Each structure stands twice: as C-alpha cells, then as structure tokens.
C-alpha cells in the first residue's frame, strides 16, 4: 500500500498496483508495478528514484508496465492474482 501511494505522486499515473512475482528459477520475488495513466519510457526510472528516496533504498522496482485499466472484482478491489497470472517475464 505504501509503494502504491508513493507511485501515485507521479503526475502521469492515475492508478497503480504493486505485485510480487516469483521467479521461475527460485530466488526472491520481483517487485512489479502495474499502472494506469500515460505510458512513458521514463516510468521505471521515476518509480525507482521515488521509492529509493522516500521509502526504502533497498526496495527495487524490477519492472513496470502500463495497462489501460486494472482488473477489478465486483466490489472494486484490484485482482492482484490476475495481474500475476498475466505477467510475462522478459
């Protein structure tokens, strides 16, 4: 929740969801940010700088990706499980 609140400080982001994604070969989970707003190439760099300076320098955003909308339940909660299922390693 804290990560998502910080990410929303970026002017081009309207909604954000942070998910932890397990790696196929084991190891620590990767922090991935899914966001809605304006797609930009500088998003990952901006997110990394923001989290490092305002939250914890040990947190590392491994990847971010733009979505037109976040998947939601009938009660309007973000479906993080669905985000994890649709996430593709690059």
PDB file of N, CA and C in Angstrom:
ATOM      1  N   UNK A   1       0.828  -1.198   0.000  1.00  0.00           N
ATOM      2  CA  UNK A   1       0.000   0.000   0.000  1.00  0.00           C
ATOM      3  C   UNK A   1       0.870   1.259   0.000  1.00  0.00           C
ATOM      4  N   UNK A   2       1.963   1.256   0.765  1.00  0.00           N
ATOM      5  CA  UNK A   2       2.843   2.429   0.804  1.00  0.00           C
ATOM      6  C   UNK A   2       3.496   2.672  -0.554  1.00  0.00           C
ATOM      7  N   UNK A   3       3.892   1.606  -1.199  1.00  0.00           N
ATOM      8  CA  UNK A   3       4.520   1.741  -2.517  1.00  0.00           C
ATOM      9  C   UNK A   3       3.519   2.330  -3.502  1.00  0.00           C
ATOM     10  N   UNK A   4       2.312   1.832  -3.481  1.00  0.00           N
ATOM     11  CA  UNK A   4       1.288   2.319  -4.403  1.00  0.00           C
ATOM     12  C   UNK A   4       0.975   3.790  -4.158  1.00  0.00           C
ATOM     13  N   UNK A   5       0.902   4.202  -2.885  1.00  0.00           N
ATOM     14  CA  UNK A   5       0.652   5.611  -2.563  1.00  0.00           C
ATOM     15  C   UNK A   5       1.756   6.498  -3.115  1.00  0.00           C
ATOM     16  N   UNK A   6       3.005   6.062  -2.976  1.00  0.00           N
ATOM     17  CA  UNK A   6       4.123   6.850  -3.499  1.00  0.00           C
ATOM     18  C   UNK A   6       4.062   6.959  -5.012  1.00  0.00           C
ATOM     19  N   UNK A   7       3.801   5.864  -5.672  1.00  0.00           N
ATOM     20  CA  UNK A   7       3.756   5.853  -7.134  1.00  0.00           C
ATOM     21  C   UNK A   7       2.705   6.831  -7.653  1.00  0.00           C
ATOM     22  N   UNK A   8       1.614   6.976  -6.921  1.00  0.00           N
ATOM     23  CA  UNK A   8       0.550   7.898  -7.340  1.00  0.00           C
ATOM     24  C   UNK A   8       0.983   9.357  -7.285  1.00  0.00           C
ATOM     25  N   UNK A   9       2.122   9.652  -6.671  1.00  0.00           N
ATOM     26  CA  UNK A   9       2.653  11.018  -6.670  1.00  0.00           C
ATOM     27  C   UNK A   9       3.166  11.422  -8.048  1.00  0.00           C
ATOM     28  N   UNK A  10       3.483  10.453  -8.889  1.00  0.00           N
ATOM     29  CA  UNK A  10       3.945  10.778 -10.238  1.00  0.00           C
ATOM     30  C   UNK A  10       2.768  11.334 -11.033  1.00  0.00           C
ATOM     31  N   UNK A  11       2.945  12.480 -11.691  1.00  0.00           N
ATOM     32  CA  UNK A  11       1.816  13.170 -12.323  1.00  0.00           C
ATOM     33  C   UNK A  11       1.130  12.414 -13.451  1.00  0.00           C
ATOM     34  N   UNK A  12       1.805  11.480 -14.064  1.00  0.00           N
ATOM     35  CA  UNK A  12       1.221  10.772 -15.201  1.00  0.00           C
ATOM     36  C   UNK A  12       0.598   9.426 -14.816  1.00  0.00           C
ATOM     37  N   UNK A  13       0.494   9.143 -13.512  1.00  0.00           N
ATOM     38  CA  UNK A  13      -0.084   7.874 -13.066  1.00  0.00           C
ATOM     39  C   UNK A  13      -1.383   8.132 -12.315  1.00  0.00           C
ATOM     40  N   UNK A  14      -2.459   7.455 -12.755  1.00  0.00           N
ATOM     41  CA  UNK A  14      -3.779   7.599 -12.139  1.00  0.00           C
ATOM     42  C   UNK A  14      -4.069   6.500 -11.126  1.00  0.00           C
ATOM     43  N   UNK A  15      -3.615   5.281 -11.437  1.00  0.00           N
ATOM     44  CA  UNK A  15      -3.813   4.126 -10.552  1.00  0.00           C
ATOM     45  C   UNK A  15      -2.559   3.271 -10.615  1.00  0.00           C
ATOM     46  N   UNK A  16      -2.276   2.567  -9.522  1.00  0.00           N
ATOM     47  CA  UNK A  16      -1.118   1.684  -9.513  1.00  0.00           C
ATOM     48  C   UNK A  16      -1.383   0.486  -8.612  1.00  0.00           C
ATOM     49  N   UNK A  17      -0.767  -0.632  -8.968  1.00  0.00           N
ATOM     50  CA  UNK A  17      -0.839  -1.843  -8.151  1.00  0.00           C
ATOM     51  C   UNK A  17       0.559  -2.448  -8.114  1.00  0.00           C
ATOM     52  N   UNK A  18       1.051  -2.707  -6.915  1.00  0.00           N
ATOM     53  CA  UNK A  18       2.353  -3.345  -6.742  1.00  0.00           C
ATOM     54  C   UNK A  18       2.127  -4.832  -6.501  1.00  0.00           C
ATOM     55  N   UNK A  19       2.875  -5.655  -7.225  1.00  0.00           N
ATOM     56  CA  UNK A  19       2.763  -7.103  -7.040  1.00  0.00           C
ATOM     57  C   UNK A  19       4.153  -7.711  -6.891  1.00  0.00           C
ATOM     58  N   UNK A  20       4.216  -8.774  -6.143  1.00  0.00           N
ATOM     59  CA  UNK A  20       5.443  -9.551  -6.037  1.00  0.00           C
ATOM     60  C   UNK A  20       5.292 -10.765  -6.932  1.00  0.00           C
ATOM     61  N   UNK A  21       6.262 -10.975  -7.811  1.00  0.00           N
ATOM     62  CA  UNK A  21       6.201 -12.084  -8.758  1.00  0.00           C
ATOM     63  C   UNK A  21       7.373 -13.015  -8.499  1.00  0.00           C
ATOM     64  N   UNK A  22       7.069 -14.283  -8.255  1.00  0.00           N
ATOM     65  CA  UNK A  22       8.111 -15.277  -8.023  1.00  0.00           C
ATOM     66  C   UNK A  22       8.851 -15.568  -9.320  1.00  0.00           C
ATOM     67  N   UNK A  23      10.155 -15.771  -9.199  1.00  0.00           N
ATOM     68  CA  UNK A  23      10.957 -16.105 -10.369  1.00  0.00           C
ATOM     69  C   UNK A  23      10.838 -17.592 -10.663  1.00  0.00           C
ATOM     70  N   UNK A  24      10.941 -17.952 -11.930  1.00  0.00           N
ATOM     71  CA  UNK A  24      10.813 -19.353 -12.340  1.00  0.00           C
ATOM     72  C   UNK A  24      11.912 -20.218 -11.727  1.00  0.00           C
ATOM     73  N   UNK A  25      13.100 -19.676 -11.595  1.00  0.00           N
ATOM     74  CA  UNK A  25      14.237 -20.450 -11.086  1.00  0.00           C
ATOM     75  C   UNK A  25      14.431 -20.284  -9.583  1.00  0.00           C
ATOM     76  N   UNK A  26      13.443 -19.749  -8.886  1.00  0.00           N
ATOM     77  CA  UNK A  26      13.547 -19.524  -7.438  1.00  0.00           C
ATOM     78  C   UNK A  26      14.155 -18.161  -7.149  1.00  0.00           C
ATOM     79  N   UNK A  27      14.548 -17.964  -5.936  1.00  0.00           N
ATOM     80  CA  UNK A  27      15.112 -16.678  -5.548  1.00  0.00           C
ATOM     81  C   UNK A  27      14.045 -15.732  -5.057  1.00  0.00           C
ATOM     82  N   UNK A  28      14.451 -14.514  -4.734  1.00  0.00           N
ATOM     83  CA  UNK A  28      13.486 -13.546  -4.199  1.00  0.00           C
ATOM     84  C   UNK A  28      12.466 -13.109  -5.242  1.00  0.00           C
ATOM     85  N   UNK A  29      11.310 -12.719  -4.761  1.00  0.00           N
ATOM     86  CA  UNK A  29      10.273 -12.220  -5.663  1.00  0.00           C
ATOM     87  C   UNK A  29      10.704 -10.897  -6.273  1.00  0.00           C
ATOM     88  N   UNK A  30      10.190 -10.646  -7.465  1.00  0.00           N
ATOM     89  CA  UNK A  30      10.471  -9.387  -8.162  1.00  0.00           C
ATOM     90  C   UNK A  30       9.321  -8.425  -7.884  1.00  0.00           C
ATOM     91  N   UNK A  31       9.647  -7.152  -7.638  1.00  0.00           N
ATOM     92  CA  UNK A  31       8.638  -6.121  -7.436  1.00  0.00           C
ATOM     93  C   UNK A  31       8.259  -5.546  -8.793  1.00  0.00           C
ATOM     94  N   UNK A  32       6.996  -5.691  -9.140  1.00  0.00           N
ATOM     95  CA  UNK A  32       6.483  -5.221 -10.425  1.00  0.00           C
ATOM     96  C   UNK A  32       5.343  -4.246 -10.145  1.00  0.00           C
ATOM     97  N   UNK A  33       5.367  -3.111 -10.816  1.00  0.00           N
ATOM     98  CA  UNK A  33       4.314  -2.107 -10.671  1.00  0.00           C
ATOM     99  C   UNK A  33       3.484  -2.082 -11.945  1.00  0.00           C
ATOM    100  N   UNK A  34       2.187  -2.249 -11.799  1.00  0.00           N
ATOM    101  CA  UNK A  34       1.249  -2.128 -12.911  1.00  0.00           C
ATOM    102  C   UNK A  34       0.581  -0.772 -12.749  1.00  0.00           C
ATOM    103  N   UNK A  35       0.521   0.009 -13.820  1.00  0.00           N
ATOM    104  CA  UNK A  35      -0.052   1.346 -13.660  1.00  0.00           C
ATOM    105  C   UNK A  35      -0.979   1.725 -14.796  1.00  0.00           C
ATOM    106  N   UNK A  36      -1.888   2.643 -14.474  1.00  0.00           N
ATOM    107  CA  UNK A  36      -2.838   3.205 -15.420  1.00  0.00           C
ATOM    108  C   UNK A  36      -2.554   4.700 -15.464  1.00  0.00           C
ATOM    109  N   UNK A  37      -2.543   5.259 -16.631  1.00  0.00           N
ATOM    110  CA  UNK A  37      -2.269   6.689 -16.792  1.00  0.00           C
ATOM    111  C   UNK A  37      -1.729   6.935 -18.177  1.00  0.00           C
ATOM    112  N   UNK A  38      -0.587   7.608 -18.244  1.00  0.00           N
ATOM    113  CA  UNK A  38       0.065   7.890 -19.515  1.00  0.00           C
ATOM    114  C   UNK A  38       1.294   6.995 -19.632  1.00  0.00           C
ATOM    115  N   UNK A  39       1.378   6.250 -20.709  1.00  0.00           N
ATOM    116  CA  UNK A  39       2.513   5.351 -20.923  1.00  0.00           C
ATOM    117  C   UNK A  39       3.756   6.168 -21.265  1.00  0.00           C
ATOM    118  N   UNK A  40       4.842   5.919 -20.547  1.00  0.00           N
ATOM    119  CA  UNK A  40       6.087   6.634 -20.784  1.00  0.00           C
ATOM    120  C   UNK A  40       7.278   5.727 -20.512  1.00  0.00           C
ATOM    121  N   UNK A  41       8.356   5.936 -21.231  1.00  0.00           N
ATOM    122  CA  UNK A  41       9.558   5.114 -21.067  1.00  0.00           C
ATOM    123  C   UNK A  41      10.300   5.430 -19.777  1.00  0.00           C
ATOM    124  N   UNK A  42      10.083   6.616 -19.221  1.00  0.00           N
ATOM    125  CA  UNK A  42      10.801   7.003 -18.008  1.00  0.00           C
ATOM    126  C   UNK A  42      10.108   6.536 -16.731  1.00  0.00           C
ATOM    127  N   UNK A  43       8.988   5.853 -16.844  1.00  0.00           N
ATOM    128  CA  UNK A  43       8.212   5.438 -15.671  1.00  0.00           C
ATOM    129  C   UNK A  43       9.039   4.597 -14.703  1.00  0.00           C
ATOM    130  N   UNK A  44       9.750   3.598 -15.197  1.00  0.00           N
ATOM    131  CA  UNK A  44      10.527   2.716 -14.317  1.00  0.00           C
ATOM    132  C   UNK A  44      11.583   3.505 -13.553  1.00  0.00           C
ATOM    133  N   UNK A  45      12.312   4.354 -14.236  1.00  0.00           N
ATOM    134  CA  UNK A  45      13.348   5.168 -13.592  1.00  0.00           C
ATOM    135  C   UNK A  45      12.736   6.085 -12.547  1.00  0.00           C
ATOM    136  N   UNK A  46      11.630   6.735 -12.884  1.00  0.00           N
ATOM    137  CA  UNK A  46      10.960   7.632 -11.942  1.00  0.00           C
ATOM    138  C   UNK A  46      10.492   6.879 -10.694  1.00  0.00           C
ATOM    139  N   UNK A  47       9.927   5.693 -10.904  1.00  0.00           N
ATOM    140  CA  UNK A  47       9.446   4.890  -9.777  1.00  0.00           C
ATOM    141  C   UNK A  47      10.603   4.458  -8.881  1.00  0.00           C
ATOM    142  N   UNK A  48      11.690   4.020  -9.485  1.00  0.00           N
ATOM    143  CA  UNK A  48      12.853   3.591  -8.699  1.00  0.00           C
ATOM    144  C   UNK A  48      13.402   4.735  -7.857  1.00  0.00           C
ATOM    145  N   UNK A  49      13.548   5.917  -8.452  1.00  0.00           N
ATOM    146  CA  UNK A  49      14.069   7.079  -7.727  1.00  0.00           C
ATOM    147  C   UNK A  49      13.141   7.471  -6.578  1.00  0.00           C
ATOM    148  N   UNK A  50      11.853   7.484  -6.840  1.00  0.00           N
ATOM    149  CA  UNK A  50      10.872   7.880  -5.834  1.00  0.00           C
ATOM    150  C   UNK A  50      10.879   6.939  -4.635  1.00  0.00           C
ATOM    151  N   UNK A  51      10.869   5.649  -4.886  1.00  0.00           N
ATOM    152  CA  UNK A  51      10.861   4.665  -3.797  1.00  0.00           C
ATOM    153  C   UNK A  51      12.178   4.700  -3.035  1.00  0.00           C
ATOM    154  N   UNK A  52      13.275   4.842  -3.743  1.00  0.00           N
ATOM    155  CA  UNK A  52      14.586   4.885  -3.096  1.00  0.00           C
ATOM    156  C   UNK A  52      14.712   6.097  -2.176  1.00  0.00           C
ATOM    157  N   UNK A  53      14.212   7.244  -2.622  1.00  0.00           N
ATOM    158  CA  UNK A  53      14.370   8.465  -1.830  1.00  0.00           C
ATOM    159  C   UNK A  53      13.338   8.613  -0.710  1.00  0.00           C
ATOM    160  N   UNK A  54      12.123   8.119  -0.912  1.00  0.00           N
ATOM    161  CA  UNK A  54      11.067   8.368   0.069  1.00  0.00           C
ATOM    162  C   UNK A  54      10.654   7.171   0.914  1.00  0.00           C
ATOM    163  N   UNK A  55      11.028   5.963   0.507  1.00  0.00           N
ATOM    164  CA  UNK A  55      10.557   4.803   1.252  1.00  0.00           C
ATOM    165  C   UNK A  55      11.716   3.979   1.795  1.00  0.00           C
ATOM    166  N   UNK A  56      12.414   3.287   0.933  1.00  0.00           N
ATOM    167  CA  UNK A  56      13.491   2.411   1.380  1.00  0.00           C
ATOM    168  C   UNK A  56      14.444   2.173   0.216  1.00  0.00           C
ATOM    169  N   UNK A  57      15.710   2.518   0.395  1.00  0.00           N
ATOM    170  CA  UNK A  57      16.663   2.326  -0.709  1.00  0.00           C
ATOM    171  C   UNK A  57      16.889   0.859  -1.068  1.00  0.00           C
ATOM    172  N   UNK A  58      16.457  -0.064  -0.214  1.00  0.00           N
ATOM    173  CA  UNK A  58      16.638  -1.485  -0.506  1.00  0.00           C
ATOM    174  C   UNK A  58      15.557  -2.042  -1.430  1.00  0.00           C
ATOM    175  N   UNK A  59      14.399  -1.359  -1.509  1.00  0.00           N
ATOM    176  CA  UNK A  59      13.352  -1.799  -2.432  1.00  0.00           C
ATOM    177  C   UNK A  59      13.788  -1.476  -3.853  1.00  0.00           C
ATOM    178  N   UNK A  60      13.586  -2.418  -4.751  1.00  0.00           N
ATOM    179  CA  UNK A  60      13.948  -2.191  -6.148  1.00  0.00           C
ATOM    180  C   UNK A  60      12.778  -2.582  -7.022  1.00  0.00           C
ATOM    181  N   UNK A  61      12.301  -1.652  -7.799  1.00  0.00           N
ATOM    182  CA  UNK A  61      11.253  -1.950  -8.763  1.00  0.00           C
ATOM    183  C   UNK A  61      11.950  -2.627  -9.939  1.00  0.00           C
ATOM    184  N   UNK A  62      11.631  -3.888 -10.168  1.00  0.00           N
ATOM    185  CA  UNK A  62      12.282  -4.630 -11.236  1.00  0.00           C
ATOM    186  C   UNK A  62      11.687  -4.326 -12.601  1.00  0.00           C
ATOM    187  N   UNK A  63      10.407  -4.016 -12.595  1.00  0.00           N
ATOM    188  CA  UNK A  63       9.747  -3.760 -13.868  1.00  0.00           C
ATOM    189  C   UNK A  63       8.431  -3.032 -13.608  1.00  0.00           C
ATOM    190  N   UNK A  64       7.987  -2.296 -14.610  1.00  0.00           N
ATOM    191  CA  UNK A  64       6.658  -1.698 -14.532  1.00  0.00           C
ATOM    192  C   UNK A  64       6.007  -1.878 -15.894  1.00  0.00           C
ATOM    193  N   UNK A  65       4.703  -1.950 -15.874  1.00  0.00           N
ATOM    194  CA  UNK A  65       4.041  -1.992 -17.167  1.00  0.00           C
ATOM    195  C   UNK A  65       2.709  -1.280 -17.116  1.00  0.00           C
ATOM    196  N   UNK A  66       2.410  -0.690 -18.254  1.00  0.00           N
ATOM    197  CA  UNK A  66       1.218   0.122 -18.443  1.00  0.00           C
ATOM    198  C   UNK A  66       0.020  -0.763 -18.792  1.00  0.00           C
ATOM    199  N   UNK A  67      -1.118  -0.441 -18.208  1.00  0.00           N
ATOM    200  CA  UNK A  67      -2.382  -1.097 -18.538  1.00  0.00           C
ATOM    201  C   UNK A  67      -3.427  -0.023 -18.794  1.00  0.00           C
ATOM    202  N   UNK A  68      -4.387  -0.330 -19.626  1.00  0.00           N
ATOM    203  CA  UNK A  68      -5.479   0.613 -19.844  1.00  0.00           C
ATOM    204  C   UNK A  68      -6.380   0.692 -18.625  1.00  0.00           C
ATOM    205  N   UNK A  69      -6.524  -0.446 -17.925  1.00  0.00           N
ATOM    206  CA  UNK A  69      -7.274  -0.455 -16.671  1.00  0.00           C
ATOM    207  C   UNK A  69      -6.821  -1.651 -15.850  1.00  0.00           C
ATOM    208  N   UNK A  70      -6.942  -1.528 -14.532  1.00  0.00           N
ATOM    209  CA  UNK A  70      -6.589  -2.622 -13.639  1.00  0.00           C
ATOM    210  C   UNK A  70      -7.768  -3.574 -13.527  1.00  0.00           C
ATOM    211  N   UNK A  71      -7.507  -4.883 -13.507  1.00  0.00           N
ATOM    212  CA  UNK A  71      -8.613  -5.831 -13.330  1.00  0.00           C
ATOM    213  C   UNK A  71      -9.175  -5.704 -11.919  1.00  0.00           C
ATOM    214  N   UNK A  72     -10.484  -5.681 -11.810  1.00  0.00           N
ATOM    215  CA  UNK A  72     -11.136  -5.491 -10.512  1.00  0.00           C
ATOM    216  C   UNK A  72     -12.233  -6.515 -10.280  1.00  0.00           C
ATOM    217  N   UNK A  73     -12.504  -6.750  -8.998  1.00  0.00           N
ATOM    218  CA  UNK A  73     -13.604  -7.626  -8.605  1.00  0.00           C
ATOM    219  C   UNK A  73     -14.905  -6.825  -8.650  1.00  0.00           C
ATOM    220  N   UNK A  74     -16.007  -7.498  -8.373  1.00  0.00           N
ATOM    221  CA  UNK A  74     -17.303  -6.821  -8.334  1.00  0.00           C
ATOM    222  C   UNK A  74     -17.346  -5.763  -7.236  1.00  0.00           C
ATOM    223  N   UNK A  75     -16.554  -5.970  -6.175  1.00  0.00           N
ATOM    224  CA  UNK A  75     -16.516  -4.988  -5.085  1.00  0.00           C
ATOM    225  C   UNK A  75     -15.414  -3.943  -5.295  1.00  0.00           C
ATOM    226  N   UNK A  76     -14.862  -3.873  -6.500  1.00  0.00           N
ATOM    227  CA  UNK A  76     -13.900  -2.861  -6.926  1.00  0.00           C
ATOM    228  C   UNK A  76     -12.500  -3.020  -6.323  1.00  0.00           C
ATOM    229  N   UNK A  77     -12.146  -4.201  -5.874  1.00  0.00           N
ATOM    230  CA  UNK A  77     -10.792  -4.452  -5.382  1.00  0.00           C
ATOM    231  C   UNK A  77      -9.921  -4.905  -6.555  1.00  0.00           C
ATOM    232  N   UNK A  78      -8.654  -4.492  -6.533  1.00  0.00           N
ATOM    233  CA  UNK A  78      -7.729  -4.883  -7.602  1.00  0.00           C
ATOM    234  C   UNK A  78      -7.447  -6.380  -7.499  1.00  0.00           C
ATOM    235  N   UNK A  79      -7.517  -7.064  -8.619  1.00  0.00           N
ATOM    236  CA  UNK A  79      -7.277  -8.505  -8.667  1.00  0.00           C
ATOM    237  C   UNK A  79      -5.786  -8.763  -8.916  1.00  0.00           C
ATOM    238  N   UNK A  80      -5.006  -8.754  -7.840  1.00  0.00           N
ATOM    239  CA  UNK A  80      -3.564  -8.945  -7.964  1.00  0.00           C
ATOM    240  C   UNK A  80      -3.215 -10.336  -8.499  1.00  0.00           C
ATOM    241  N   UNK A  81      -4.023 -11.314  -8.156  1.00  0.00           N
ATOM    242  CA  UNK A  81      -3.810 -12.670  -8.661  1.00  0.00           C
ATOM    243  C   UNK A  81      -3.839 -12.668 -10.193  1.00  0.00           C
ATOM    244  N   UNK A  82      -4.797 -11.956 -10.749  1.00  0.00           N
ATOM    245  CA  UNK A  82      -4.913 -11.877 -12.212  1.00  0.00           C
ATOM    246  C   UNK A  82      -3.717 -11.138 -12.819  1.00  0.00           C
ATOM    247  N   UNK A  83      -3.254 -10.092 -12.137  1.00  0.00           N
ATOM    248  CA  UNK A  83      -2.069  -9.374 -12.616  1.00  0.00           C
ATOM    249  C   UNK A  83      -0.856 -10.307 -12.642  1.00  0.00           C
ATOM    250  N   UNK A  84      -0.702 -11.120 -11.580  1.00  0.00           N
ATOM    251  CA  UNK A  84       0.420 -12.072 -11.535  1.00  0.00           C
ATOM    252  C   UNK A  84       0.313 -13.112 -12.644  1.00  0.00           C
ATOM    253  N   UNK A  85      -0.902 -13.604 -12.876  1.00  0.00           N
ATOM    254  CA  UNK A  85      -1.114 -14.614 -13.918  1.00  0.00           C
ATOM    255  C   UNK A  85      -0.780 -14.069 -15.307  1.00  0.00           C
ATOM    256  N   UNK A  86      -1.093 -12.811 -15.545  1.00  0.00           N
ATOM    257  CA  UNK A  86      -0.879 -12.207 -16.865  1.00  0.00           C
ATOM    258  C   UNK A  86       0.524 -11.641 -17.050  1.00  0.00           C
ATOM    259  N   UNK A  87       1.293 -11.571 -15.987  1.00  0.00           N
ATOM    260  CA  UNK A  87       2.643 -11.014 -16.070  1.00  0.00           C
ATOM    261  C   UNK A  87       3.533 -11.941 -16.884  1.00  0.00           C
ATOM    262  N   UNK A  88       4.293 -11.380 -17.796  1.00  0.00           N
ATOM    263  CA  UNK A  88       5.216 -12.157 -18.629  1.00  0.00           C
ATOM    264  C   UNK A  88       6.646 -11.697 -18.379  1.00  0.00           C
ATOM    265  N   UNK A  89       7.531 -12.646 -18.073  1.00  0.00           N
ATOM    266  CA  UNK A  89       8.945 -12.311 -17.911  1.00  0.00           C
ATOM    267  C   UNK A  89       9.516 -11.928 -19.255  1.00  0.00           C
ATOM    268  N   UNK A  90      10.405 -10.943 -19.223  1.00  0.00           N
ATOM    269  CA  UNK A  90      11.061 -10.535 -20.465  1.00  0.00           C
ATOM    270  C   UNK A  90      12.492 -10.966 -20.458  1.00  0.00           C
TER     271      UNK A  90
END
